[in-house]
Every structure is written in C-alpha cells, then in structure tokens.
Amino acid sequence: MPEEQTIRLTRKFTFEAAHALADYDGACRNIHGHSYSLYVTVRGRPLNEPGNPKHGMLIDFSLLKEIVNSVIIDQFDHALLINDTSSLWQTLMKEEAFGKLIALPYQPTCENMISDFASRLKKALPAGVELFSLKLNETSASYAEWFAGDQKRKL
C-alpha cells in the first residue's frame, strides 16, 4: 500500500421533500417540493491493517450509505418540512392533512437544512472519519455548501 495519506470520499444521495417558508415575502411561502441531491464528503486515513478485508478503506461506501440514510434520508424523504414556530405549522397540525410532516426548529431553507445535516452527520460518523463537506442541491441550478474548515473562520 502507498504511504499513508489523507483521502476524501464522496457519495451522492437523493431525496424528495416539500417545504414552505413561513412568512416569506415570495412564492416560496407556498408549499412546494424539490428533488434534493446531497453530496457527502468525508475525510481521513484509510485503514492500514494488512490482512483486514477493509485494509485500504477510509469507510466502506455501504456503511456511509447506512449512516446517511439513517440520520437524514429516511427522515426527510417524501416529507413536508415546516418551521414548528410558524402559524402554518399550527394550521397543518389541526388539519392532519399530511402524513409525513416534520417539525423543524428552523425555517427549512437550503442553508439551514445543510447546517442541520452537518450536525447530525458529525455525531454519527465512526472514529477516524470526519465530515469534510456537504453540498445540497435544492434545484439543478441552486445549492448550498458546508465545509468543516469554514466553521473555524470568523467572517
């Protein structure tokens, strides 16, 4: 095996979700949906244990898939995301019109969602594997990015 080096791995995930931006002054105040693409990049050093079947792997792609599905995709896929402090939330709860309704403690913007996803994933990754970056496409032309290195900088 080559000398130990830090490696980054990325896996793409997709999910469908609807949201509404409570009290927003544009069209996004209405319930609407997106086909989201989430790119998860982790960083670390591959396992250096000759004879181990995972020798040379940072993380098995199937394990990364299991983690991301568990903490994000299974919860958010085909859900309606609403800020739990909004009047819209109160209305929807009374009507019980939606089966998979997720109350979020924030406005469900792409920026807030990616920050939430980063927090969830950092807690779920195994030792030696760190979250490097996330990219969340809300549309084919619009996305938010989160980088671990940016979190230490002050703007």
Protein backbone atom coordinates (compact mmCIF):
# COMPACT_ATOMS: atom_id res chain seq x y z
CA MET A 1 0.00 0.00 0.00
CA PRO A 2 1.25 3.52 -0.74
CA GLU A 3 2.37 5.74 2.14
CA GLU A 4 -0.39 6.91 4.47
CA GLN A 5 -2.25 9.86 3.03
CA THR A 6 -5.42 11.69 3.87
CA ILE A 7 -8.21 10.75 1.47
CA ARG A 8 -11.61 12.27 0.78
CA LEU A 9 -14.58 10.13 -0.25
CA THR A 10 -17.85 11.50 -1.63
CA ARG A 11 -21.21 9.81 -2.08
CA LYS A 12 -24.33 11.29 -3.64
CA PHE A 13 -27.79 10.81 -2.12
CA THR A 14 -31.18 11.94 -3.40
CA PHE A 15 -34.49 12.56 -1.72
CA GLU A 16 -37.79 14.29 -2.37
CA ALA A 17 -39.24 16.76 0.09
CA ALA A 18 -41.67 19.64 0.25
CA HIS A 19 -41.40 22.74 2.36
CA ALA A 20 -42.86 26.19 2.86
CA LEU A 21 -41.01 29.23 4.14
CA ALA A 22 -43.33 30.69 6.76
CA ASP A 23 -43.98 34.43 6.43
CA TYR A 24 -41.61 34.68 3.45
CA ASP A 25 -42.29 37.56 1.06
CA GLY A 26 -42.08 35.49 -2.14
CA ALA A 27 -43.51 32.41 -3.84
CA CYS A 28 -41.62 30.05 -1.52
CA ARG A 29 -44.10 30.84 1.26
CA ASN A 30 -46.38 28.34 -0.52
CA ILE A 31 -45.94 24.61 -0.05
CA HIS A 32 -43.76 23.30 -2.89
CA GLY A 33 -41.38 20.42 -3.45
CA HIS A 34 -37.83 19.76 -4.55
CA SER A 35 -35.77 16.83 -5.76
CA TYR A 36 -32.76 17.27 -3.49
CA SER A 37 -29.27 15.94 -4.15
CA LEU A 38 -26.94 15.68 -1.17
CA TYR A 39 -23.21 15.14 -1.66
CA VAL A 40 -21.46 13.93 1.48
CA THR A 41 -17.67 14.12 1.60
CA VAL A 42 -15.73 12.56 4.45
CA ARG A 43 -12.00 12.72 5.13
CA GLY A 44 -9.46 10.56 6.92
CA ARG A 45 -6.74 7.98 6.53
CA PRO A 46 -7.55 4.57 5.07
CA LEU A 47 -7.25 1.57 7.36
CA ASN A 48 -3.69 0.24 7.40
CA GLU A 49 -4.16 -3.32 8.62
CA PRO A 50 -2.83 -5.84 6.13
CA GLY A 51 -4.99 -8.94 6.17
CA ASN A 52 -8.10 -6.99 7.19
CA PRO A 53 -10.67 -7.13 4.35
CA LYS A 54 -11.20 -3.38 4.79
CA HIS A 55 -7.46 -2.66 4.51
CA GLY A 56 -7.06 0.44 2.36
CA MET A 57 -10.59 1.78 3.03
CA LEU A 58 -11.40 5.02 4.82
CA ILE A 59 -15.01 3.90 5.26
CA ASP A 60 -16.97 1.28 3.37
CA PHE A 61 -19.34 3.09 0.99
CA SER A 62 -22.14 0.83 2.22
CA LEU A 63 -21.55 1.99 5.82
CA LEU A 64 -21.55 5.64 4.75
CA LYS A 65 -24.82 4.98 2.91
CA GLU A 66 -26.31 3.33 6.00
CA ILE A 67 -25.33 6.28 8.21
CA VAL A 68 -26.64 8.99 5.86
CA ASN A 69 -29.85 7.09 5.20
CA SER A 70 -30.41 6.61 8.92
CA VAL A 71 -29.84 10.19 10.09
CA ILE A 72 -31.11 12.14 7.06
CA ILE A 73 -32.68 10.40 4.05
CA ASP A 74 -35.10 8.07 5.87
CA GLN A 75 -36.40 11.01 7.90
CA PHE A 76 -36.61 13.70 5.21
CA ASP A 77 -37.56 11.74 2.09
CA HIS A 78 -41.13 12.44 0.96
CA ALA A 79 -41.79 14.67 3.97
CA LEU A 80 -43.26 18.13 4.35
CA LEU A 81 -40.80 20.32 6.28
CA ILE A 82 -42.22 23.17 8.31
CA ASN A 83 -40.83 25.55 10.94
CA ASP A 84 -42.54 24.44 14.15
CA THR A 85 -42.98 28.02 15.38
CA SER A 86 -44.97 29.16 12.34
CA SER A 87 -48.71 29.68 12.06
CA LEU A 88 -48.64 27.32 9.07
CA TRP A 89 -47.42 24.55 11.39
CA GLN A 90 -50.33 25.17 13.76
CA THR A 91 -52.81 25.04 10.86
CA LEU A 92 -51.39 21.85 9.39
CA MET A 93 -51.36 20.12 12.77
CA LYS A 94 -55.08 20.86 13.22
CA GLU A 95 -55.99 19.61 9.75
CA GLU A 96 -53.78 16.49 9.88
CA ALA A 97 -53.66 16.72 6.08
CA PHE A 98 -50.14 15.38 5.70
CA GLY A 99 -48.81 12.02 6.82
CA LYS A 100 -45.08 12.74 6.99
CA LEU A 101 -44.89 16.19 8.47
CA ILE A 102 -41.59 17.19 10.08
CA ALA A 103 -41.45 20.00 12.62
CA LEU A 104 -38.13 21.79 12.42
CA PRO A 105 -36.84 24.37 14.90
CA TYR A 106 -35.75 26.50 11.94
CA GLN A 107 -37.00 27.86 8.64
CA PRO A 108 -36.43 24.97 6.16
CA THR A 109 -34.10 26.84 3.81
CA CYS A 110 -31.33 25.03 1.98
CA GLU A 111 -28.80 26.83 4.20
CA ASN A 112 -30.47 25.79 7.46
CA MET A 113 -31.02 22.24 6.26
CA ILE A 114 -27.38 21.72 5.31
CA SER A 115 -26.24 23.04 8.71
CA ASP A 116 -28.64 20.62 10.42
CA PHE A 117 -27.41 17.74 8.24
CA ALA A 118 -23.77 18.55 9.12
CA SER A 119 -24.58 18.46 12.82
CA ARG A 120 -26.39 15.12 12.51
CA LEU A 121 -23.63 13.50 10.45
CA LYS A 122 -20.72 14.67 12.62
CA LYS A 123 -22.31 12.83 15.56
CA ALA A 124 -22.91 9.63 13.56
CA LEU A 125 -19.59 9.06 11.78
CA PRO A 126 -17.16 6.50 13.19
CA ALA A 127 -13.87 7.47 14.82
CA GLY A 128 -11.19 8.40 12.31
CA VAL A 129 -13.73 9.60 9.73
CA GLU A 130 -14.56 13.28 9.76
CA LEU A 131 -17.12 15.23 7.82
CA PHE A 132 -15.26 17.38 5.30
CA SER A 133 -18.08 18.94 3.27
CA LEU A 134 -21.69 18.78 2.19
CA LYS A 135 -23.37 20.08 -0.93
CA LEU A 136 -27.17 20.24 -1.03
CA ASN A 137 -28.78 20.91 -4.40
CA GLU A 138 -32.30 22.26 -3.99
CA THR A 139 -32.66 22.56 -7.77
CA SER A 140 -30.35 21.65 -10.63
CA ALA A 141 -29.04 25.23 -10.61
CA SER A 142 -29.12 26.15 -6.89
CA TYR A 143 -27.28 24.66 -3.95
CA ALA A 144 -25.73 25.36 -0.56
CA GLU A 145 -22.33 24.14 0.57
CA TRP A 146 -20.92 23.43 4.03
CA PHE A 147 -17.19 22.98 4.67
CA ALA A 148 -15.73 21.91 8.01
CA GLY A 149 -12.80 24.30 7.56
CA ASP A 150 -15.14 27.27 7.18
CA GLN A 151 -16.66 26.66 10.61
CA LYS A 152 -13.48 27.77 12.35
CA ARG A 153 -13.27 31.09 10.50
CA LYS A 154 -14.91 34.31 11.55
CA LEU A 155 -16.43 36.44 8.82
